[in-house]
Amino acid sequence: MNDKYLITVVTVCYNSEKTIRDTFESLLNQTNKNFDYIVVDGKSTDNTLNIIKEYLPKFDGRMRYISEKDNGIYDAMNKGISLCSGDYIGIINSDDWYETDAIENIINSINDNPEVDLFYGLIRLIKDGKEYMIRRNNYDFINEMNGLIQHPTCFVKRKVYDKYGVFNTKYKISADLDLMLRLVNNGVKYKPIDKVITNFRIGGASYQNDNYTELIDIMYRNGFISRKCMMKKLAFNKIKNIIGFWRNNESY
């Protein structure tokens, strides 16, 4: 086993007692153990912190955690990234879990392609406890509204974050798209992996429907649409929302 490259995995959590064991178990059962692990808890009020402490010794010194208030999920992710020492960083949320060979597949890909800045793979979407679909978007089409590569499968060089920055906490739902577009604009080298890396439960912030304004602003700020196009899309969305509100409140 080639242990030249160290992976750091970050999990951010808040009141995740129902699902975080799955995340922890997926990491404990990795076929390649050449990773360390950082858990960033947002001062949970349920049993999450006790579960973290329960699992701490099981990682044989490779797991660290902090528990403090944060300013949202991307602020918590940024805290985790700032604590990382690995050559590549993966971020897995507390309601998702890795395939048991995820780290092995990433390290093998790094060994074969050390010049690549960002690796990403297939994601399995889970709905109501069942496989809903397996997908992977192509980063060549990341500038399209539905072209975002699956961030829970990504492993990014730590030096990339150092050079181009972390998540913009101005965005509450779509800061991952902003980051990916920023990296594309700066010529970061991507490489897809033909393996399922992450299992993702459908639901949560990224599946909310109120992030359209964020998406349009991100596309504009990263130079993928003009100001005129941005204003047009925002105006159309406002009209659509007004019509929807009127229809929902109309008496028959």
Protein backbone atom coordinates (compact mmCIF):
# COMPACT_ATOMS: atom_id res chain seq x y z
CA MET A 1 0.00 0.00 0.00
CA ASN A 2 1.38 3.40 -1.00
CA ASP A 3 0.90 5.83 1.88
CA LYS A 4 2.59 8.79 0.22
CA TYR A 5 -0.59 10.89 0.28
CA LEU A 6 -2.69 11.59 3.37
CA ILE A 7 -6.40 12.27 3.08
CA THR A 8 -8.26 14.42 5.59
CA VAL A 9 -12.02 13.92 5.81
CA VAL A 10 -14.29 16.59 7.31
CA THR A 11 -17.81 16.03 8.65
CA VAL A 12 -19.97 18.92 9.80
CA CYS A 13 -22.98 18.14 11.93
CA TYR A 14 -25.78 19.57 14.03
CA ASN A 15 -28.33 17.43 15.88
CA SER A 16 -27.41 14.43 13.75
CA GLU A 17 -27.98 11.62 16.25
CA LYS A 18 -30.21 9.67 13.85
CA THR A 19 -27.69 9.37 11.01
CA ILE A 20 -24.13 10.18 12.07
CA ARG A 21 -23.32 6.61 13.13
CA ASP A 22 -23.64 5.58 9.46
CA THR A 23 -21.09 8.23 8.53
CA PHE A 24 -18.67 7.12 11.25
CA GLU A 25 -19.05 3.43 10.46
CA SER A 26 -18.35 4.05 6.76
CA LEU A 27 -15.03 5.63 7.70
CA LEU A 28 -14.09 3.00 10.26
CA ASN A 29 -14.66 0.31 7.62
CA GLN A 30 -12.49 1.89 4.90
CA THR A 31 -10.20 -0.55 3.10
CA ASN A 32 -7.44 2.10 3.16
CA LYS A 33 -6.90 3.74 6.55
CA ASN A 34 -4.50 6.46 5.39
CA PHE A 35 -6.73 9.34 6.47
CA ASP A 36 -7.39 11.51 9.45
CA TYR A 37 -10.79 12.81 10.41
CA ILE A 38 -12.16 16.11 11.65
CA VAL A 39 -15.73 16.51 12.96
CA VAL A 40 -17.16 20.01 13.32
CA ASP A 41 -20.24 20.05 15.52
CA GLY A 42 -22.42 23.15 15.70
CA LYS A 43 -23.13 22.79 19.43
CA SER A 44 -25.74 20.06 19.04
CA THR A 45 -28.52 19.85 21.62
CA ASP A 46 -29.38 16.19 21.05
CA ASN A 47 -27.17 13.12 21.58
CA THR A 48 -24.77 13.89 18.71
CA LEU A 49 -21.87 15.01 20.90
CA ASN A 50 -22.10 11.86 23.04
CA ILE A 51 -21.97 9.73 19.88
CA ILE A 52 -18.89 11.64 18.69
CA LYS A 53 -17.18 10.97 22.03
CA GLU A 54 -18.20 7.32 21.85
CA TYR A 55 -16.50 6.91 18.46
CA LEU A 56 -13.42 8.99 19.26
CA PRO A 57 -11.30 6.08 20.63
CA LYS A 58 -12.36 3.79 17.78
CA PHE A 59 -10.36 5.90 15.32
CA ASP A 60 -7.09 5.29 17.23
CA GLY A 61 -6.07 8.94 17.40
CA ARG A 62 -7.02 9.80 13.82
CA MET A 63 -10.21 11.65 14.79
CA ARG A 64 -10.51 15.17 16.23
CA TYR A 65 -13.59 17.25 16.87
CA ILE A 66 -14.70 20.73 17.86
CA SER A 67 -18.14 21.70 19.14
CA GLU A 68 -19.10 25.35 18.95
CA LYS A 69 -21.69 27.65 17.42
CA ASP A 70 -21.26 28.43 13.75
CA ASN A 71 -22.83 30.66 11.12
CA GLY A 72 -24.24 27.93 8.95
CA ILE A 73 -23.07 24.81 7.16
CA TYR A 74 -20.47 26.52 4.97
CA ASP A 75 -18.94 28.36 7.92
CA ALA A 76 -18.62 24.97 9.64
CA MET A 77 -17.01 23.46 6.52
CA ASN A 78 -14.52 26.33 6.40
CA LYS A 79 -13.60 25.68 10.03
CA GLY A 80 -12.95 22.05 9.19
CA ILE A 81 -10.82 22.90 6.16
CA SER A 82 -8.73 25.29 8.28
CA LEU A 83 -7.86 22.38 10.61
CA CYS A 84 -6.84 19.95 7.86
CA SER A 85 -3.31 18.67 7.41
CA GLY A 86 -3.89 16.14 4.63
CA ASP A 87 -2.74 16.51 1.04
CA TYR A 88 -6.35 16.15 -0.16
CA ILE A 89 -9.57 17.03 1.64
CA GLY A 90 -12.95 15.30 1.38
CA ILE A 91 -16.15 16.59 2.95
CA ILE A 92 -18.90 14.14 3.94
CA ASN A 93 -22.03 15.36 5.71
CA SER A 94 -23.47 13.68 8.77
CA ASP A 95 -26.46 12.15 6.98
CA ASP A 96 -24.34 10.62 4.19
CA TRP A 97 -21.73 7.86 4.08
CA TYR A 98 -18.82 6.69 1.95
CA GLU A 99 -18.48 3.40 0.13
CA THR A 100 -15.97 1.26 2.04
CA ASP A 101 -13.39 1.57 -0.77
CA ALA A 102 -13.82 5.33 -1.25
CA ILE A 103 -10.48 6.34 0.29
CA GLU A 104 -8.71 3.49 -1.52
CA ASN A 105 -10.12 4.62 -4.88
CA ILE A 106 -9.14 8.23 -4.22
CA ILE A 107 -5.58 7.37 -3.18
CA ASN A 108 -5.14 5.06 -6.17
CA SER A 109 -6.29 7.88 -8.45
CA ILE A 110 -3.92 10.34 -6.78
CA ASN A 111 -1.00 7.93 -7.17
CA ASP A 112 -1.79 7.60 -10.88
CA ASN A 113 -2.50 11.31 -11.42
CA PRO A 114 -0.63 13.43 -8.83
CA GLU A 115 -0.96 16.54 -11.02
CA VAL A 116 -4.78 16.55 -10.65
CA ASP A 117 -6.23 19.08 -8.20
CA LEU A 118 -9.72 17.67 -7.71
CA PHE A 119 -11.09 14.14 -8.00
CA TYR A 120 -14.80 13.35 -8.03
CA GLY A 121 -16.84 10.21 -8.53
CA LEU A 122 -20.29 8.73 -8.78
CA ILE A 123 -22.89 9.42 -6.12
CA ARG A 124 -25.69 7.08 -5.08
CA LEU A 125 -28.85 8.96 -4.11
CA ILE A 126 -30.92 7.33 -1.36
CA LYS A 127 -34.64 8.01 -1.07
CA ASP A 128 -36.79 6.44 1.64
CA GLY A 129 -33.99 3.98 2.40
CA LYS A 130 -33.74 2.77 -1.22
CA GLU A 131 -31.37 3.47 -4.08
CA TYR A 132 -33.00 6.21 -6.14
CA MET A 133 -30.30 6.69 -8.78
CA ILE A 134 -26.57 6.78 -9.40
CA ARG A 135 -25.21 9.83 -11.16
CA ARG A 136 -22.18 11.94 -11.97
CA ASN A 137 -22.29 15.26 -13.79
CA ASN A 138 -19.42 16.22 -16.08
CA TYR A 139 -17.40 19.20 -14.87
CA ASP A 140 -17.21 20.45 -18.49
CA PHE A 141 -20.83 21.53 -18.05
CA ILE A 142 -20.50 22.98 -14.56
CA ASN A 143 -21.56 26.41 -15.86
CA GLU A 144 -25.05 25.06 -16.56
CA MET A 145 -27.65 25.32 -13.82
CA ASN A 146 -27.84 21.53 -13.52
CA GLY A 147 -24.16 20.88 -14.20
CA LEU A 148 -22.76 21.01 -10.67
CA ILE A 149 -20.54 18.03 -9.95
CA GLN A 150 -21.46 16.13 -6.82
CA HIS A 151 -19.52 17.89 -4.07
CA PRO A 152 -19.93 15.03 -1.50
CA THR A 153 -17.75 12.88 -3.80
CA CYS A 154 -15.00 15.49 -4.23
CA PHE A 155 -11.48 15.32 -2.85
CA VAL A 156 -9.60 18.59 -3.32
CA LYS A 157 -5.91 19.41 -2.86
CA ARG A 158 -5.44 21.41 0.33
CA LYS A 159 -3.18 23.77 -1.63
CA VAL A 160 -6.15 24.61 -3.88
CA TYR A 161 -8.12 25.91 -0.91
CA ASP A 162 -5.03 27.81 0.25
CA LYS A 163 -4.66 29.46 -3.15
CA TYR A 164 -8.25 30.09 -4.28
CA GLY A 165 -10.17 30.31 -1.03
CA VAL A 166 -12.89 28.34 0.70
CA PHE A 167 -16.71 28.60 0.74
CA ASN A 168 -18.25 32.05 0.49
CA THR A 169 -20.57 32.20 3.51
CA LYS A 170 -22.60 34.94 1.80
CA TYR A 171 -24.38 32.02 0.12
CA LYS A 172 -26.45 29.88 2.49
CA ILE A 173 -27.40 27.06 0.12
CA SER A 174 -25.25 27.14 -3.03
CA ALA A 175 -21.74 28.10 -1.90
CA ASP A 176 -20.48 24.76 -3.27
CA LEU A 177 -21.49 25.88 -6.80
CA ASP A 178 -19.72 29.20 -6.27
CA LEU A 179 -16.55 27.39 -5.18
CA MET A 180 -16.62 24.97 -8.11
CA LEU A 181 -17.12 27.77 -10.65
CA ARG A 182 -14.28 29.72 -9.04
CA LEU A 183 -12.00 26.71 -9.38
CA VAL A 184 -13.02 26.16 -13.01
CA ASN A 185 -12.29 29.82 -13.77
CA ASN A 186 -8.80 29.41 -12.31
CA GLY A 187 -7.95 26.36 -14.39
CA VAL A 188 -7.99 23.79 -11.60
CA LYS A 189 -7.48 20.28 -12.98
CA TYR A 190 -10.44 17.93 -12.47
CA LYS A 191 -10.60 14.18 -12.98
CA PRO A 192 -13.66 11.92 -12.72
CA ILE A 193 -13.51 8.48 -11.11
CA ASP A 194 -15.73 5.69 -12.41
CA LYS A 195 -16.63 4.44 -8.95
CA VAL A 196 -19.42 5.17 -6.48
CA ILE A 197 -17.76 7.24 -3.75
CA THR A 198 -20.63 8.56 -1.64
CA ASN A 199 -24.16 7.62 -0.62
CA PHE A 200 -26.36 10.70 -0.27
CA ARG A 201 -29.73 10.87 1.45
CA ILE A 202 -32.10 13.06 -0.54
CA GLY A 203 -33.25 16.04 1.54
CA GLY A 204 -31.62 18.90 3.45
CA ALA A 205 -30.46 22.36 2.53
CA SER A 206 -29.25 21.57 -0.98
CA TYR A 207 -32.72 20.34 -1.92
CA GLN A 208 -34.56 23.46 -0.87
CA ASN A 209 -36.36 25.42 -3.59
CA ASP A 210 -35.50 28.94 -2.43
CA ASN A 211 -31.95 29.13 -3.76
CA TYR A 212 -32.70 30.43 -7.28
CA THR A 213 -31.61 33.97 -6.44
CA GLU A 214 -28.33 32.65 -5.06
CA LEU A 215 -27.73 30.58 -8.18
CA ILE A 216 -28.26 33.52 -10.51
CA ASP A 217 -25.99 35.75 -8.44
CA ILE A 218 -23.28 33.08 -8.44
CA MET A 219 -23.50 32.61 -12.20
CA TYR A 220 -23.17 36.37 -12.68
CA ARG A 221 -20.34 36.88 -10.17
CA ASN A 222 -18.33 34.11 -11.81
CA GLY A 223 -18.80 35.53 -15.31
CA PHE A 224 -21.08 32.89 -16.80
CA ILE A 225 -24.01 35.23 -17.47
CA SER A 226 -24.20 38.95 -18.17
CA ARG A 227 -25.70 41.55 -15.85
CA LYS A 228 -28.56 42.00 -18.31
CA CYS A 229 -29.26 38.27 -18.26
CA MET A 230 -29.09 38.22 -14.45
CA MET A 231 -31.61 41.08 -14.12
CA LYS A 232 -33.92 39.40 -16.62
CA LYS A 233 -33.86 36.08 -14.77
CA LEU A 234 -34.42 37.73 -11.39
CA ALA A 235 -37.34 39.78 -12.75
CA PHE A 236 -38.90 36.69 -14.30
CA ASN A 237 -38.51 34.77 -11.05
CA LYS A 238 -40.13 37.60 -9.08
CA ILE A 239 -43.11 37.68 -11.45
CA LYS A 240 -43.43 33.91 -11.25
CA ASN A 241 -43.45 34.03 -7.44
CA ILE A 242 -46.09 36.78 -7.41
CA ILE A 243 -48.32 34.79 -9.76
CA GLY A 244 -47.79 31.66 -7.68
CA PHE A 245 -48.69 33.51 -4.48
CA TRP A 246 -51.81 34.95 -6.09
CA ARG A 247 -52.95 31.55 -7.38
CA ASN A 248 -52.34 29.88 -4.02
CA ASN A 249 -54.42 32.51 -2.21
CA GLU A 250 -57.21 32.91 -4.76
CA SER A 251 -60.68 32.05 -3.49
CA TYR A 252 -62.89 29.81 -5.59
